[in-house]
């Protein structure tokens, strides 16, 4: 038995990550058909991480509504909310915080990131 995924499965997964990066709401249809909302890429980035880092509020809200883990860290210990704070996406940050994102999770945390860049946090 091999641990290698078939090429078509890898290609499909990569397309899902691209949809998250692009803010393409078709991603949500795939989730409704059974794709894991907390799917991760080779770097441990979730679909939520990629959508949040790229400022796509509608996709972030859709992922949250489908149960995405707002506090899941990637392999570098980064959180989706810290990524949104770093990029200055206040609306995405607010949505994540409203869904229970921990401002102190990860390295650097969202709180530390806000301090570094002089940004305000919601609440």
Protein backbone atom coordinates (compact mmCIF):
# COMPACT_ATOMS: atom_id res chain seq x y z
CA UNK A 1 0.00 0.00 0.00
CA UNK A 2 1.22 3.51 -0.79
CA UNK A 3 0.75 6.79 1.04
CA UNK A 4 0.79 8.74 -2.22
CA UNK A 5 -2.51 10.28 -3.29
CA UNK A 6 -3.66 9.83 -6.88
CA UNK A 7 -2.82 12.81 -9.09
CA UNK A 8 -6.46 13.66 -9.71
CA UNK A 9 -7.13 13.86 -5.97
CA UNK A 10 -4.10 16.12 -5.42
CA UNK A 11 -5.18 18.31 -8.33
CA UNK A 12 -8.71 18.59 -6.90
CA UNK A 13 -7.41 19.52 -3.45
CA UNK A 14 -5.09 22.14 -4.93
CA UNK A 15 -8.05 23.62 -6.80
CA UNK A 16 -9.98 23.88 -3.52
CA UNK A 17 -7.10 25.78 -1.93
CA UNK A 18 -7.01 28.08 -4.97
CA UNK A 19 -10.75 28.75 -4.59
CA UNK A 20 -10.16 29.75 -0.96
CA UNK A 21 -7.28 32.07 -1.94
CA UNK A 22 -9.39 33.63 -4.70
CA UNK A 23 -12.50 34.04 -2.55
CA UNK A 24 -14.53 31.95 -4.95
CA UNK A 25 -17.79 30.99 -3.24
CA UNK A 26 -18.02 27.80 -5.33
CA UNK A 27 -15.76 26.39 -2.61
CA UNK A 28 -18.76 26.36 -0.28
CA UNK A 29 -20.66 24.10 -2.68
CA UNK A 30 -17.87 21.51 -2.43
CA UNK A 31 -18.08 21.66 1.35
CA UNK A 32 -21.82 21.10 1.15
CA UNK A 33 -21.07 17.98 -0.91
CA UNK A 34 -18.81 16.52 1.76
CA UNK A 35 -15.34 18.07 1.49
CA UNK A 36 -13.88 18.61 4.96
CA UNK A 37 -14.22 22.21 6.09
CA UNK A 38 -10.86 21.88 7.89
CA UNK A 39 -8.94 20.45 4.92
CA UNK A 40 -5.25 21.42 5.15
CA UNK A 41 -2.50 21.76 2.59
CA UNK A 42 1.10 20.59 2.95
CA UNK A 43 1.90 23.65 5.10
CA UNK A 44 -1.02 23.01 7.45
CA UNK A 45 -3.01 25.95 6.09
CA UNK A 46 -6.77 25.42 6.24
CA UNK A 47 -9.22 26.75 3.72
CA UNK A 48 -10.17 29.32 6.38
CA UNK A 49 -6.56 30.41 6.80
CA UNK A 50 -6.19 31.00 3.07
CA UNK A 51 -9.50 32.84 2.71
CA UNK A 52 -8.82 35.01 5.79
CA UNK A 53 -5.26 35.86 4.75
CA UNK A 54 -6.56 37.00 1.37
CA UNK A 55 -9.42 39.06 2.80
CA UNK A 56 -12.42 37.16 1.44
CA UNK A 57 -15.14 37.89 3.98
CA UNK A 58 -17.98 36.01 2.25
CA UNK A 59 -15.94 32.80 2.04
CA UNK A 60 -14.69 33.23 5.61
CA UNK A 61 -18.28 33.61 6.82
CA UNK A 62 -19.34 30.59 4.77
CA UNK A 63 -16.55 28.47 6.22
CA UNK A 64 -17.41 29.58 9.75
CA UNK A 65 -21.09 28.77 9.16
CA UNK A 66 -20.02 25.26 8.09
CA UNK A 67 -18.02 24.71 11.28
CA UNK A 68 -14.47 25.67 10.33
CA UNK A 69 -12.09 25.67 13.31
CA UNK A 70 -11.28 29.37 13.73
CA UNK A 71 -8.37 28.57 16.04
CA UNK A 72 -6.60 25.90 14.00
CA UNK A 73 -2.92 26.79 13.62
CA UNK A 74 -0.85 25.99 10.56
CA UNK A 75 2.51 24.21 10.71
CA UNK A 76 4.25 27.52 11.49
CA UNK A 77 1.97 28.15 14.48
CA UNK A 78 0.00 30.92 12.75
CA UNK A 79 -3.73 31.47 13.23
CA UNK A 80 -6.29 32.68 10.69
CA UNK A 81 -7.09 35.75 12.80
CA UNK A 82 -3.41 36.73 13.06
CA UNK A 83 -3.18 36.50 9.26
CA UNK A 84 -6.20 38.76 8.84
CA UNK A 85 -4.79 41.26 11.34
CA UNK A 86 -1.39 41.20 9.59
CA UNK A 87 -3.01 41.97 6.24
CA UNK A 88 -5.30 44.65 7.73
CA UNK A 89 -8.62 42.97 6.90
CA UNK A 90 -10.72 44.42 9.71
CA UNK A 91 -13.99 42.88 8.49
CA UNK A 92 -12.45 39.39 8.33
CA UNK A 93 -10.83 39.90 11.72
CA UNK A 94 -14.17 40.93 13.23
CA UNK A 95 -15.93 37.89 11.75
CA UNK A 96 -13.29 35.54 13.15
CA UNK A 97 -13.41 37.15 16.59
CA UNK A 98 -17.22 36.99 16.59
CA UNK A 99 -16.89 33.26 15.84
CA UNK A 100 -14.59 32.74 18.83
CA UNK A 101 -11.10 33.22 17.42
CA UNK A 102 -8.52 33.43 20.20
CA UNK A 103 -6.53 36.65 19.85
CA UNK A 104 -3.72 35.12 21.92
CA UNK A 105 -3.34 31.86 19.97
CA UNK A 106 -0.35 31.21 17.74
CA UNK A 107 2.99 32.81 17.13
CA UNK A 108 2.84 35.67 16.72
CA UNK A 109 -0.64 35.99 18.13
CA UNK A 110 -3.20 38.34 16.60
CA UNK A 111 -2.76 40.61 19.61
CA UNK A 112 1.03 40.73 19.12
CA UNK A 113 0.56 41.29 15.39
CA UNK A 114 -1.81 44.19 16.05
CA UNK A 115 0.74 45.71 18.44
CA UNK A 116 3.55 45.32 15.89
CA UNK A 117 1.60 47.07 13.14
CA UNK A 118 -0.40 49.57 15.22
CA UNK A 119 -3.74 48.01 14.34
CA UNK A 120 -6.92 48.03 16.41
CA UNK A 121 -8.62 44.78 17.34
CA UNK A 122 -12.41 44.42 17.45
CA UNK A 123 -14.13 44.55 20.79
